[in-house]
Amino acid sequence: MAISRHISNSRVVTHPLDAPDFTLNALTVRAFNSVRRELKRMRHGPYRAHYDPFLYPLDGISQWNRLYGSKDFYQYQCVLPPATARGGVTELLKTIVASG
């Protein structure tokens, strides 16, 4: 099994301009996720990846928040105990959807 040993906080790409507001939508997010999934499938055999680039792919892009355009962007992170995680995440997602 190949093991990725690349653990770095260095940014590879810089996004210097705010993207037009229309560029981030359900279609472009699906396309990004599809390309990311296919690139992973192209690897030969099982592999291990460090959690950082796997869970936070945008962190490899300096000023990644500019991809979201000039509108406000909110990021929320939380930690839930395992016993209540499923219900807690469900409630969080319901609240997000209800807020528009």
PDB file of N, CA and C in Angstrom:
ATOM      1  N   MET A   1       0.844  -1.178   0.000  1.00  0.00           N
ATOM      2  CA  MET A   1       0.000   0.000   0.000  1.00  0.00           C
ATOM      3  C   MET A   1       0.890   1.242   0.000  1.00  0.00           C
ATOM      4  N   ALA A   2       0.638   2.146  -0.940  1.00  0.00           N
ATOM      5  CA  ALA A   2       1.396   3.390  -0.999  1.00  0.00           C
ATOM      6  C   ALA A   2       0.908   4.333   0.093  1.00  0.00           C
ATOM      7  N   ILE A   3       1.830   4.992   0.721  1.00  0.00           N
ATOM      8  CA  ILE A   3       1.480   5.927   1.795  1.00  0.00           C
ATOM      9  C   ILE A   3       1.960   7.312   1.420  1.00  0.00           C
ATOM     10  N   SER A   4       1.042   8.252   1.463  1.00  0.00           N
ATOM     11  CA  SER A   4       1.404   9.635   1.182  1.00  0.00           C
ATOM     12  C   SER A   4       2.125  10.197   2.402  1.00  0.00           C
ATOM     13  N   ARG A   5       3.308  10.728   2.195  1.00  0.00           N
ATOM     14  CA  ARG A   5       4.066  11.315   3.302  1.00  0.00           C
ATOM     15  C   ARG A   5       4.094  12.836   3.201  1.00  0.00           C
ATOM     16  N   HIS A   6       3.329  13.378   2.270  1.00  0.00           N
ATOM     17  CA  HIS A   6       3.321  14.823   2.069  1.00  0.00           C
ATOM     18  C   HIS A   6       2.429  15.464   3.128  1.00  0.00           C
ATOM     19  N   ILE A   7       3.044  16.111   4.079  1.00  0.00           N
ATOM     20  CA  ILE A   7       2.317  16.849   5.108  1.00  0.00           C
ATOM     21  C   ILE A   7       2.901  18.251   5.109  1.00  0.00           C
ATOM     22  N   SER A   8       2.126  19.172   4.598  1.00  0.00           N
ATOM     23  CA  SER A   8       2.657  20.521   4.466  1.00  0.00           C
ATOM     24  C   SER A   8       1.541  21.535   4.592  1.00  0.00           C
ATOM     25  N   ASN A   9       1.845  22.648   5.187  1.00  0.00           N
ATOM     26  CA  ASN A   9       0.893  23.748   5.252  1.00  0.00           C
ATOM     27  C   ASN A   9       1.138  24.763   4.147  1.00  0.00           C
ATOM     28  N   SER A  10       2.092  24.492   3.286  1.00  0.00           N
ATOM     29  CA  SER A  10       2.384  25.442   2.217  1.00  0.00           C
ATOM     30  C   SER A  10       1.259  25.434   1.195  1.00  0.00           C
ATOM     31  N   ARG A  11       0.995  26.563   0.661  1.00  0.00           N
ATOM     32  CA  ARG A  11      -0.068  26.719  -0.333  1.00  0.00           C
ATOM     33  C   ARG A  11       0.546  26.550  -1.717  1.00  0.00           C
ATOM     34  N   VAL A  12      -0.114  25.775  -2.547  1.00  0.00           N
ATOM     35  CA  VAL A  12       0.417  25.472  -3.870  1.00  0.00           C
ATOM     36  C   VAL A  12      -0.033  26.502  -4.893  1.00  0.00           C
ATOM     37  N   VAL A  13      -1.286  26.891  -4.853  1.00  0.00           N
ATOM     38  CA  VAL A  13      -1.884  27.768  -5.849  1.00  0.00           C
ATOM     39  C   VAL A  13      -2.450  28.990  -5.146  1.00  0.00           C
ATOM     40  N   THR A  14      -2.391  30.131  -5.787  1.00  0.00           N
ATOM     41  CA  THR A  14      -2.999  31.341  -5.238  1.00  0.00           C
ATOM     42  C   THR A  14      -4.163  31.757  -6.119  1.00  0.00           C
ATOM     43  N   HIS A  15      -5.272  32.109  -5.494  1.00  0.00           N
ATOM     44  CA  HIS A  15      -6.432  32.615  -6.233  1.00  0.00           C
ATOM     45  C   HIS A  15      -6.515  34.106  -5.949  1.00  0.00           C
ATOM     46  N   PRO A  16      -5.986  34.938  -6.854  1.00  0.00           N
ATOM     47  CA  PRO A  16      -5.807  36.356  -6.552  1.00  0.00           C
ATOM     48  C   PRO A  16      -7.047  37.235  -6.705  1.00  0.00           C
ATOM     49  N   LEU A  17      -8.073  36.765  -7.408  1.00  0.00           N
ATOM     50  CA  LEU A  17      -9.234  37.611  -7.688  1.00  0.00           C
ATOM     51  C   LEU A  17     -10.501  37.011  -7.109  1.00  0.00           C
ATOM     52  N   ASP A  18     -11.456  37.881  -6.767  1.00  0.00           N
ATOM     53  CA  ASP A  18     -12.764  37.388  -6.358  1.00  0.00           C
ATOM     54  C   ASP A  18     -13.461  36.815  -7.583  1.00  0.00           C
ATOM     55  N   ALA A  19     -14.026  35.618  -7.428  1.00  0.00           N
ATOM     56  CA  ALA A  19     -14.762  35.000  -8.528  1.00  0.00           C
ATOM     57  C   ALA A  19     -16.100  35.713  -8.681  1.00  0.00           C
ATOM     58  N   PRO A  20     -16.648  35.741  -9.891  1.00  0.00           N
ATOM     59  CA  PRO A  20     -18.001  36.294 -10.047  1.00  0.00           C
ATOM     60  C   PRO A  20     -18.976  35.497  -9.187  1.00  0.00           C
ATOM     61  N   ASP A  21     -19.966  36.164  -8.635  1.00  0.00           N
ATOM     62  CA  ASP A  21     -20.875  35.522  -7.693  1.00  0.00           C
ATOM     63  C   ASP A  21     -21.602  34.311  -8.272  1.00  0.00           C
ATOM     64  N   PHE A  22     -21.821  34.275  -9.574  1.00  0.00           N
ATOM     65  CA  PHE A  22     -22.570  33.172 -10.175  1.00  0.00           C
ATOM     66  C   PHE A  22     -21.753  31.882 -10.321  1.00  0.00           C
ATOM     67  N   THR A  23     -20.445  31.944 -10.087  1.00  0.00           N
ATOM     68  CA  THR A  23     -19.614  30.768 -10.354  1.00  0.00           C
ATOM     69  C   THR A  23     -19.759  29.659  -9.320  1.00  0.00           C
ATOM     70  N   LEU A  24     -20.175  29.965  -8.117  1.00  0.00           N
ATOM     71  CA  LEU A  24     -20.341  28.929  -7.109  1.00  0.00           C
ATOM     72  C   LEU A  24     -21.815  28.587  -6.994  1.00  0.00           C
ATOM     73  N   ASN A  25     -22.148  27.398  -7.437  1.00  0.00           N
ATOM     74  CA  ASN A  25     -23.526  26.933  -7.378  1.00  0.00           C
ATOM     75  C   ASN A  25     -23.525  25.415  -7.287  1.00  0.00           C
ATOM     76  N   ALA A  26     -24.681  24.823  -7.226  1.00  0.00           N
ATOM     77  CA  ALA A  26     -24.770  23.365  -7.066  1.00  0.00           C
ATOM     78  C   ALA A  26     -24.048  22.631  -8.192  1.00  0.00           C
ATOM     79  N   LEU A  27     -24.145  23.136  -9.415  1.00  0.00           N
ATOM     80  CA  LEU A  27     -23.505  22.483 -10.554  1.00  0.00           C
ATOM     81  C   LEU A  27     -21.982  22.516 -10.449  1.00  0.00           C
ATOM     82  N   THR A  28     -21.412  23.668 -10.118  1.00  0.00           N
ATOM     83  CA  THR A  28     -19.951  23.761 -10.038  1.00  0.00           C
ATOM     84  C   THR A  28     -19.406  22.983  -8.839  1.00  0.00           C
ATOM     85  N   VAL A  29     -20.155  22.942  -7.743  1.00  0.00           N
ATOM     86  CA  VAL A  29     -19.724  22.160  -6.584  1.00  0.00           C
ATOM     87  C   VAL A  29     -19.737  20.675  -6.943  1.00  0.00           C
ATOM     88  N   ARG A  30     -20.797  20.216  -7.627  1.00  0.00           N
ATOM     89  CA  ARG A  30     -20.845  18.814  -8.061  1.00  0.00           C
ATOM     90  C   ARG A  30     -19.701  18.495  -9.010  1.00  0.00           C
ATOM     91  N   ALA A  31     -19.397  19.417  -9.920  1.00  0.00           N
ATOM     92  CA  ALA A  31     -18.301  19.200 -10.875  1.00  0.00           C
ATOM     93  C   ALA A  31     -16.972  19.087 -10.137  1.00  0.00           C
ATOM     94  N   PHE A  32     -16.727  19.979  -9.185  1.00  0.00           N
ATOM     95  CA  PHE A  32     -15.492  19.930  -8.405  1.00  0.00           C
ATOM     96  C   PHE A  32     -15.366  18.596  -7.677  1.00  0.00           C
ATOM     97  N   ASN A  33     -16.440  18.180  -7.015  1.00  0.00           N
ATOM     98  CA  ASN A  33     -16.412  16.921  -6.270  1.00  0.00           C
ATOM     99  C   ASN A  33     -16.229  15.725  -7.201  1.00  0.00           C
ATOM    100  N   SER A  34     -16.838  15.785  -8.381  1.00  0.00           N
ATOM    101  CA  SER A  34     -16.693  14.703  -9.350  1.00  0.00           C
ATOM    102  C   SER A  34     -15.256  14.592  -9.850  1.00  0.00           C
ATOM    103  N   VAL A  35     -14.649  15.714 -10.183  1.00  0.00           N
ATOM    104  CA  VAL A  35     -13.253  15.713 -10.646  1.00  0.00           C
ATOM    105  C   VAL A  35     -12.344  15.207  -9.534  1.00  0.00           C
ATOM    106  N   ARG A  36     -12.561  15.666  -8.340  1.00  0.00           N
ATOM    107  CA  ARG A  36     -11.741  15.229  -7.204  1.00  0.00           C
ATOM    108  C   ARG A  36     -11.861  13.722  -6.993  1.00  0.00           C
ATOM    109  N   ARG A  37     -13.096  13.200  -7.072  1.00  0.00           N
ATOM    110  CA  ARG A  37     -13.326  11.765  -6.899  1.00  0.00           C
ATOM    111  C   ARG A  37     -12.655  10.960  -8.012  1.00  0.00           C
ATOM    112  N   GLU A  38     -12.764  11.422  -9.258  1.00  0.00           N
ATOM    113  CA  GLU A  38     -12.158  10.711 -10.379  1.00  0.00           C
ATOM    114  C   GLU A  38     -10.632  10.724 -10.295  1.00  0.00           C
ATOM    115  N   LEU A  39     -10.052  11.832  -9.866  1.00  0.00           N
ATOM    116  CA  LEU A  39      -8.593  11.883  -9.714  1.00  0.00           C
ATOM    117  C   LEU A  39      -8.128  10.860  -8.679  1.00  0.00           C
ATOM    118  N   LYS A  40      -8.904  10.691  -7.627  1.00  0.00           N
ATOM    119  CA  LYS A  40      -8.544   9.696  -6.615  1.00  0.00           C
ATOM    120  C   LYS A  40      -8.686   8.286  -7.169  1.00  0.00           C
ATOM    121  N   ARG A  41      -9.688   8.036  -8.014  1.00  0.00           N
ATOM    122  CA  ARG A  41      -9.884   6.712  -8.609  1.00  0.00           C
ATOM    123  C   ARG A  41      -8.758   6.348  -9.572  1.00  0.00           C
ATOM    124  N   MET A  42      -8.114   7.347 -10.140  1.00  0.00           N
ATOM    125  CA  MET A  42      -7.045   7.097 -11.101  1.00  0.00           C
ATOM    126  C   MET A  42      -5.797   6.532 -10.430  1.00  0.00           C
ATOM    127  N   ARG A  43      -5.694   6.668  -9.123  1.00  0.00           N
ATOM    128  CA  ARG A  43      -4.554   6.085  -8.410  1.00  0.00           C
ATOM    129  C   ARG A  43      -4.669   4.566  -8.507  1.00  0.00           C
ATOM    130  N   HIS A  44      -3.549   3.916  -8.508  1.00  0.00           N
ATOM    131  CA  HIS A  44      -3.544   2.460  -8.616  1.00  0.00           C
ATOM    132  C   HIS A  44      -3.516   1.833  -7.236  1.00  0.00           C
ATOM    133  N   GLY A  45      -4.548   1.083  -6.916  1.00  0.00           N
ATOM    134  CA  GLY A  45      -4.591   0.353  -5.662  1.00  0.00           C
ATOM    135  C   GLY A  45      -4.934   1.223  -4.469  1.00  0.00           C
ATOM    136  N   PRO A  46      -5.058   0.592  -3.319  1.00  0.00           N
ATOM    137  CA  PRO A  46      -5.372   1.332  -2.093  1.00  0.00           C
ATOM    138  C   PRO A  46      -4.210   2.236  -1.679  1.00  0.00           C
ATOM    139  N   TYR A  47      -4.542   3.275  -1.010  1.00  0.00           N
ATOM    140  CA  TYR A  47      -3.509   4.199  -0.540  1.00  0.00           C
ATOM    141  C   TYR A  47      -3.984   4.871   0.731  1.00  0.00           C
ATOM    142  N   ARG A  48      -3.048   5.467   1.419  1.00  0.00           N
ATOM    143  CA  ARG A  48      -3.370   6.271   2.591  1.00  0.00           C
ATOM    144  C   ARG A  48      -3.050   7.712   2.272  1.00  0.00           C
ATOM    145  N   ALA A  49      -3.865   8.583   2.785  1.00  0.00           N
ATOM    146  CA  ALA A  49      -3.623  10.015   2.599  1.00  0.00           C
ATOM    147  C   ALA A  49      -3.687  10.673   3.963  1.00  0.00           C
ATOM    148  N   HIS A  50      -2.911  11.712   4.131  1.00  0.00           N
ATOM    149  CA  HIS A  50      -2.978  12.474   5.373  1.00  0.00           C
ATOM    150  C   HIS A  50      -4.354  13.131   5.445  1.00  0.00           C
ATOM    151  N   TYR A  51      -4.910  13.207   6.631  1.00  0.00           N
ATOM    152  CA  TYR A  51      -6.263  13.751   6.775  1.00  0.00           C
ATOM    153  C   TYR A  51      -6.373  15.215   6.353  1.00  0.00           C
ATOM    154  N   ASP A  52      -5.317  15.992   6.504  1.00  0.00           N
ATOM    155  CA  ASP A  52      -5.394  17.430   6.255  1.00  0.00           C
ATOM    156  C   ASP A  52      -5.781  17.744   4.807  1.00  0.00           C
ATOM    157  N   PRO A  53      -5.019  17.321   3.793  1.00  0.00           N
ATOM    158  CA  PRO A  53      -5.429  17.632   2.423  1.00  0.00           C
ATOM    159  C   PRO A  53      -6.677  16.869   1.991  1.00  0.00           C
ATOM    160  N   PHE A  54      -6.947  15.709   2.605  1.00  0.00           N
ATOM    161  CA  PHE A  54      -8.132  14.944   2.250  1.00  0.00           C
ATOM    162  C   PHE A  54      -9.405  15.648   2.705  1.00  0.00           C
ATOM    163  N   LEU A  55      -9.412  16.114   3.947  1.00  0.00           N
ATOM    164  CA  LEU A  55     -10.607  16.749   4.502  1.00  0.00           C
ATOM    165  C   LEU A  55     -10.722  18.234   4.159  1.00  0.00           C
ATOM    166  N   TYR A  56      -9.585  18.866   3.858  1.00  0.00           N
ATOM    167  CA  TYR A  56      -9.588  20.306   3.605  1.00  0.00           C
ATOM    168  C   TYR A  56      -8.883  20.611   2.278  1.00  0.00           C
ATOM    169  N   PRO A  57      -9.451  20.170   1.148  1.00  0.00           N
ATOM    170  CA  PRO A  57      -8.765  20.346  -0.142  1.00  0.00           C
ATOM    171  C   PRO A  57      -8.551  21.804  -0.528  1.00  0.00           C
ATOM    172  N   LEU A  58      -9.426  22.693  -0.101  1.00  0.00           N
ATOM    173  CA  LEU A  58      -9.276  24.101  -0.478  1.00  0.00           C
ATOM    174  C   LEU A  58      -8.119  24.777   0.245  1.00  0.00           C
ATOM    175  N   ASP A  59      -7.652  24.193   1.336  1.00  0.00           N
ATOM    176  CA  ASP A  59      -6.539  24.795   2.059  1.00  0.00           C
ATOM    177  C   ASP A  59      -5.244  24.775   1.256  1.00  0.00           C
ATOM    178  N   GLY A  60      -5.202  24.017   0.176  1.00  0.00           N
ATOM    179  CA  GLY A  60      -4.040  24.018  -0.713  1.00  0.00           C
ATOM    180  C   GLY A  60      -4.030  25.207  -1.643  1.00  0.00           C
ATOM    181  N   ILE A  61      -5.083  26.024  -1.586  1.00  0.00           N
ATOM    182  CA  ILE A  61      -5.200  27.207  -2.436  1.00  0.00           C
ATOM    183  C   ILE A  61      -5.150  28.436  -1.551  1.00  0.00           C
ATOM    184  N   SER A  62      -4.129  29.247  -1.729  1.00  0.00           N
ATOM    185  CA  SER A  62      -4.020  30.471  -0.961  1.00  0.00           C
ATOM    186  C   SER A  62      -5.184  31.390  -1.329  1.00  0.00           C
ATOM    187  N   GLN A  63      -5.798  31.985  -0.365  1.00  0.00           N
ATOM    188  CA  GLN A  63      -6.955  32.878  -0.555  1.00  0.00           C
ATOM    189  C   GLN A  63      -8.120  32.152  -1.220  1.00  0.00           C
ATOM    190  N   TRP A  64      -8.346  30.891  -0.823  1.00  0.00           N
ATOM    191  CA  TRP A  64      -9.415  30.093  -1.414  1.00  0.00           C
ATOM    192  C   TRP A  64     -10.787  30.714  -1.231  1.00  0.00           C
ATOM    193  N   ASN A  65     -10.955  31.507  -0.192  1.00  0.00           N
ATOM    194  CA  ASN A  65     -12.255  32.130   0.055  1.00  0.00           C
ATOM    195  C   ASN A  65     -12.685  33.035  -1.097  1.00  0.00           C
ATOM    196  N   ARG A  66     -11.739  33.512  -1.895  1.00  0.00           N
ATOM    197  CA  ARG A  66     -12.080  34.382  -3.017  1.00  0.00           C
ATOM    198  C   ARG A  66     -12.793  33.609  -4.130  1.00  0.00           C
ATOM    199  N   LEU A  67     -12.699  32.286  -4.108  1.00  0.00           N
ATOM    200  CA  LEU A  67     -13.437  31.466  -5.072  1.00  0.00           C
ATOM    201  C   LEU A  67     -14.944  31.622  -4.892  1.00  0.00           C
ATOM    202  N   TYR A  68     -15.352  32.042  -3.701  1.00  0.00           N
ATOM    203  CA  TYR A  68     -16.767  32.159  -3.383  1.00  0.00           C
ATOM    204  C   TYR A  68     -17.368  33.494  -3.805  1.00  0.00           C
ATOM    205  N   GLY A  69     -16.577  34.365  -4.391  1.00  0.00           N
ATOM    206  CA  GLY A  69     -17.078  35.646  -4.858  1.00  0.00           C
ATOM    207  C   GLY A  69     -17.061  36.696  -3.768  1.00  0.00           C
ATOM    208  N   SER A  70     -17.705  37.809  -4.068  1.00  0.00           N
ATOM    209  CA  SER A  70     -17.651  38.943  -3.144  1.00  0.00           C
ATOM    210  C   SER A  70     -18.753  38.927  -2.089  1.00  0.00           C
ATOM    211  N   LYS A  71     -19.718  38.029  -2.220  1.00  0.00           N
ATOM    212  CA  LYS A  71     -20.769  37.946  -1.212  1.00  0.00           C
ATOM    213  C   LYS A  71     -20.188  37.421   0.094  1.00  0.00           C
ATOM    214  N   ASP A  72     -20.930  37.645   1.159  1.00  0.00           N
ATOM    215  CA  ASP A  72     -20.480  37.157   2.461  1.00  0.00           C
ATOM    216  C   ASP A  72     -20.328  35.645   2.442  1.00  0.00           C
ATOM    217  N   PHE A  73     -19.375  35.154   3.186  1.00  0.00           N
ATOM    218  CA  PHE A  73     -19.130  33.726   3.306  1.00  0.00           C
ATOM    219  C   PHE A  73     -19.056  33.397   4.780  1.00  0.00           C
ATOM    220  N   TYR A  74     -19.809  32.398   5.201  1.00  0.00           N
ATOM    221  CA  TYR A  74     -19.796  31.983   6.595  1.00  0.00           C
ATOM    222  C   TYR A  74     -19.294  30.547   6.678  1.00  0.00           C
ATOM    223  N   GLN A  75     -18.423  30.330   7.623  1.00  0.00           N
ATOM    224  CA  GLN A  75     -17.925  28.987   7.873  1.00  0.00           C
ATOM    225  C   GLN A  75     -18.190  28.681   9.336  1.00  0.00           C
ATOM    226  N   TYR A  76     -18.725  27.502   9.575  1.00  0.00           N
ATOM    227  CA  TYR A  76     -19.051  27.107  10.939  1.00  0.00           C
ATOM    228  C   TYR A  76     -18.427  25.746  11.206  1.00  0.00           C
ATOM    229  N   GLN A  77     -17.727  25.630  12.294  1.00  0.00           N
ATOM    230  CA  GLN A  77     -17.144  24.355  12.694  1.00  0.00           C
ATOM    231  C   GLN A  77     -17.580  24.049  14.111  1.00  0.00           C
ATOM    232  N   CYS A  78     -17.821  22.788  14.365  1.00  0.00           N
ATOM    233  CA  CYS A  78     -18.206  22.410  15.716  1.00  0.00           C
ATOM    234  C   CYS A  78     -17.703  20.993  15.993  1.00  0.00           C
ATOM    235  N   VAL A  79     -17.740  20.634  17.240  1.00  0.00           N
ATOM    236  CA  VAL A  79     -17.370  19.287  17.674  1.00  0.00           C
ATOM    237  C   VAL A  79     -18.552  18.745  18.466  1.00  0.00           C
ATOM    238  N   LEU A  80     -18.977  17.548  18.110  1.00  0.00           N
ATOM    239  CA  LEU A  80     -20.093  16.916  18.801  1.00  0.00           C
ATOM    240  C   LEU A  80     -19.636  15.590  19.403  1.00  0.00           C
ATOM    241  N   PRO A  81     -20.123  15.255  20.580  1.00  0.00           N
ATOM    242  CA  PRO A  81     -19.756  13.960  21.159  1.00  0.00           C
ATOM    243  C   PRO A  81     -20.343  12.824  20.313  1.00  0.00           C
ATOM    244  N   PRO A  82     -19.645  11.708  20.214  1.00  0.00           N
ATOM    245  CA  PRO A  82     -20.119  10.606  19.371  1.00  0.00           C
ATOM    246  C   PRO A  82     -21.564  10.180  19.653  1.00  0.00           C
ATOM    247  N   ALA A  83     -21.965  10.205  20.898  1.00  0.00           N
ATOM    248  CA  ALA A  83     -23.309   9.742  21.252  1.00  0.00           C
ATOM    249  C   ALA A  83     -24.413  10.605  20.644  1.00  0.00           C
ATOM    250  N   THR A  84     -24.131  11.879  20.393  1.00  0.00           N
ATOM    251  CA  THR A  84     -25.164  12.784  19.855  1.00  0.00           C
ATOM    252  C   THR A  84     -24.801  13.341  18.479  1.00  0.00           C
ATOM    253  N   ALA A  85     -23.724  12.842  17.885  1.00  0.00           N
ATOM    254  CA  ALA A  85     -23.229  13.414  16.626  1.00  0.00           C
ATOM    255  C   ALA A  85     -24.241  13.308  15.496  1.00  0.00           C
ATOM    256  N   ARG A  86     -24.824  12.150  15.279  1.00  0.00           N
ATOM    257  CA  ARG A  86     -25.757  11.973  14.155  1.00  0.00           C
ATOM    258  C   ARG A  86     -26.944  12.931  14.269  1.00  0.00           C
ATOM    259  N   GLY A  87     -27.565  12.966  15.421  1.00  0.00           N
ATOM    260  CA  GLY A  87     -28.696  13.871  15.619  1.00  0.00           C
ATOM    261  C   GLY A  87     -28.286  15.327  15.559  1.00  0.00           C
ATOM    262  N   GLY A  88     -27.101  15.634  16.094  1.00  0.00           N
ATOM    263  CA  GLY A  88     -26.618  17.012  16.084  1.00  0.00           C
ATOM    264  C   GLY A  88     -26.333  17.511  14.679  1.00  0.00           C
ATOM    265  N   VAL A  89     -25.696  16.683  13.865  1.00  0.00           N
ATOM    266  CA  VAL A  89     -25.412  17.074  12.483  1.00  0.00           C
ATOM    267  C   VAL A  89     -26.719  17.220  11.698  1.00  0.00           C
ATOM    268  N   THR A  90     -27.667  16.317  11.946  1.00  0.00           N
ATOM    269  CA  THR A  90     -28.978  16.423  11.282  1.00  0.00           C
ATOM    270  C   THR A  90     -29.638  17.756  11.612  1.00  0.00           C
ATOM    271  N   GLU A  91     -29.621  18.138  12.878  1.00  0.00           N
ATOM    272  CA  GLU A  91     -30.215  19.415  13.281  1.00  0.00           C
ATOM    273  C   GLU A  91     -29.468  20.602  12.681  1.00  0.00           C
ATOM    274  N   LEU A  92     -28.143  20.536  12.646  1.00  0.00           N
ATOM    275  CA  LEU A  92     -27.366  21.607  12.023  1.00  0.00           C
ATOM    276  C   LEU A  92     -27.743  21.781  10.559  1.00  0.00           C
ATOM    277  N   LEU A  93     -27.810  20.669   9.824  1.00  0.00           N
ATOM    278  CA  LEU A  93     -28.159  20.741   8.402  1.00  0.00           C
ATOM    279  C   LEU A  93     -29.576  21.262   8.185  1.00  0.00           C
ATOM    280  N   LYS A  94     -30.513  20.852   9.035  1.00  0.00           N
ATOM    281  CA  LYS A  94     -31.886  21.376   8.928  1.00  0.00           C
ATOM    282  C   LYS A  94     -31.901  22.884   9.148  1.00  0.00           C
ATOM    283  N   THR A  95     -31.143  23.351  10.116  1.00  0.00           N
ATOM    284  CA  THR A  95     -31.074  24.792  10.408  1.00  0.00           C
ATOM    285  C   THR A  95     -30.460  25.554   9.243  1.00  0.00           C
ATOM    286  N   ILE A  96     -29.398  25.003   8.656  1.00  0.00           N
ATOM    287  CA  ILE A  96     -28.751  25.644   7.506  1.00  0.00           C
ATOM    288  C   ILE A  96     -29.711  25.731   6.329  1.00  0.00           C
ATOM    289  N   VAL A  97     -30.400  24.627   6.032  1.00  0.00           N
ATOM    290  CA  VAL A  97     -31.343  24.615   4.921  1.00  0.00           C
ATOM    291  C   VAL A  97     -32.464  25.619   5.163  1.00  0.00           C
ATOM    292  N   ALA A  98     -32.990  25.650   6.376  1.00  0.00           N
ATOM    293  CA  ALA A  98     -34.085  26.576   6.699  1.00  0.00           C
ATOM    294  C   ALA A  98     -33.654  28.031   6.575  1.00  0.00           C
ATOM    295  N   SER A  99     -32.360  28.293   6.804  1.00  0.00           N
ATOM    296  CA  SER A  99     -31.890  29.681   6.745  1.00  0.00           C
ATOM    297  C   SER A  99     -31.676  30.170   5.319  1.00  0.00           C
ATOM    298  N   GLY A 100     -31.685  29.232   4.391  1.00  0.00           N
ATOM    299  CA  GLY A 100     -31.463  29.622   2.985  1.00  0.00           C
ATOM    300  C   GLY A 100     -30.010  29.792   2.673  1.00  0.00           C
TER     301      GLY A 100
END
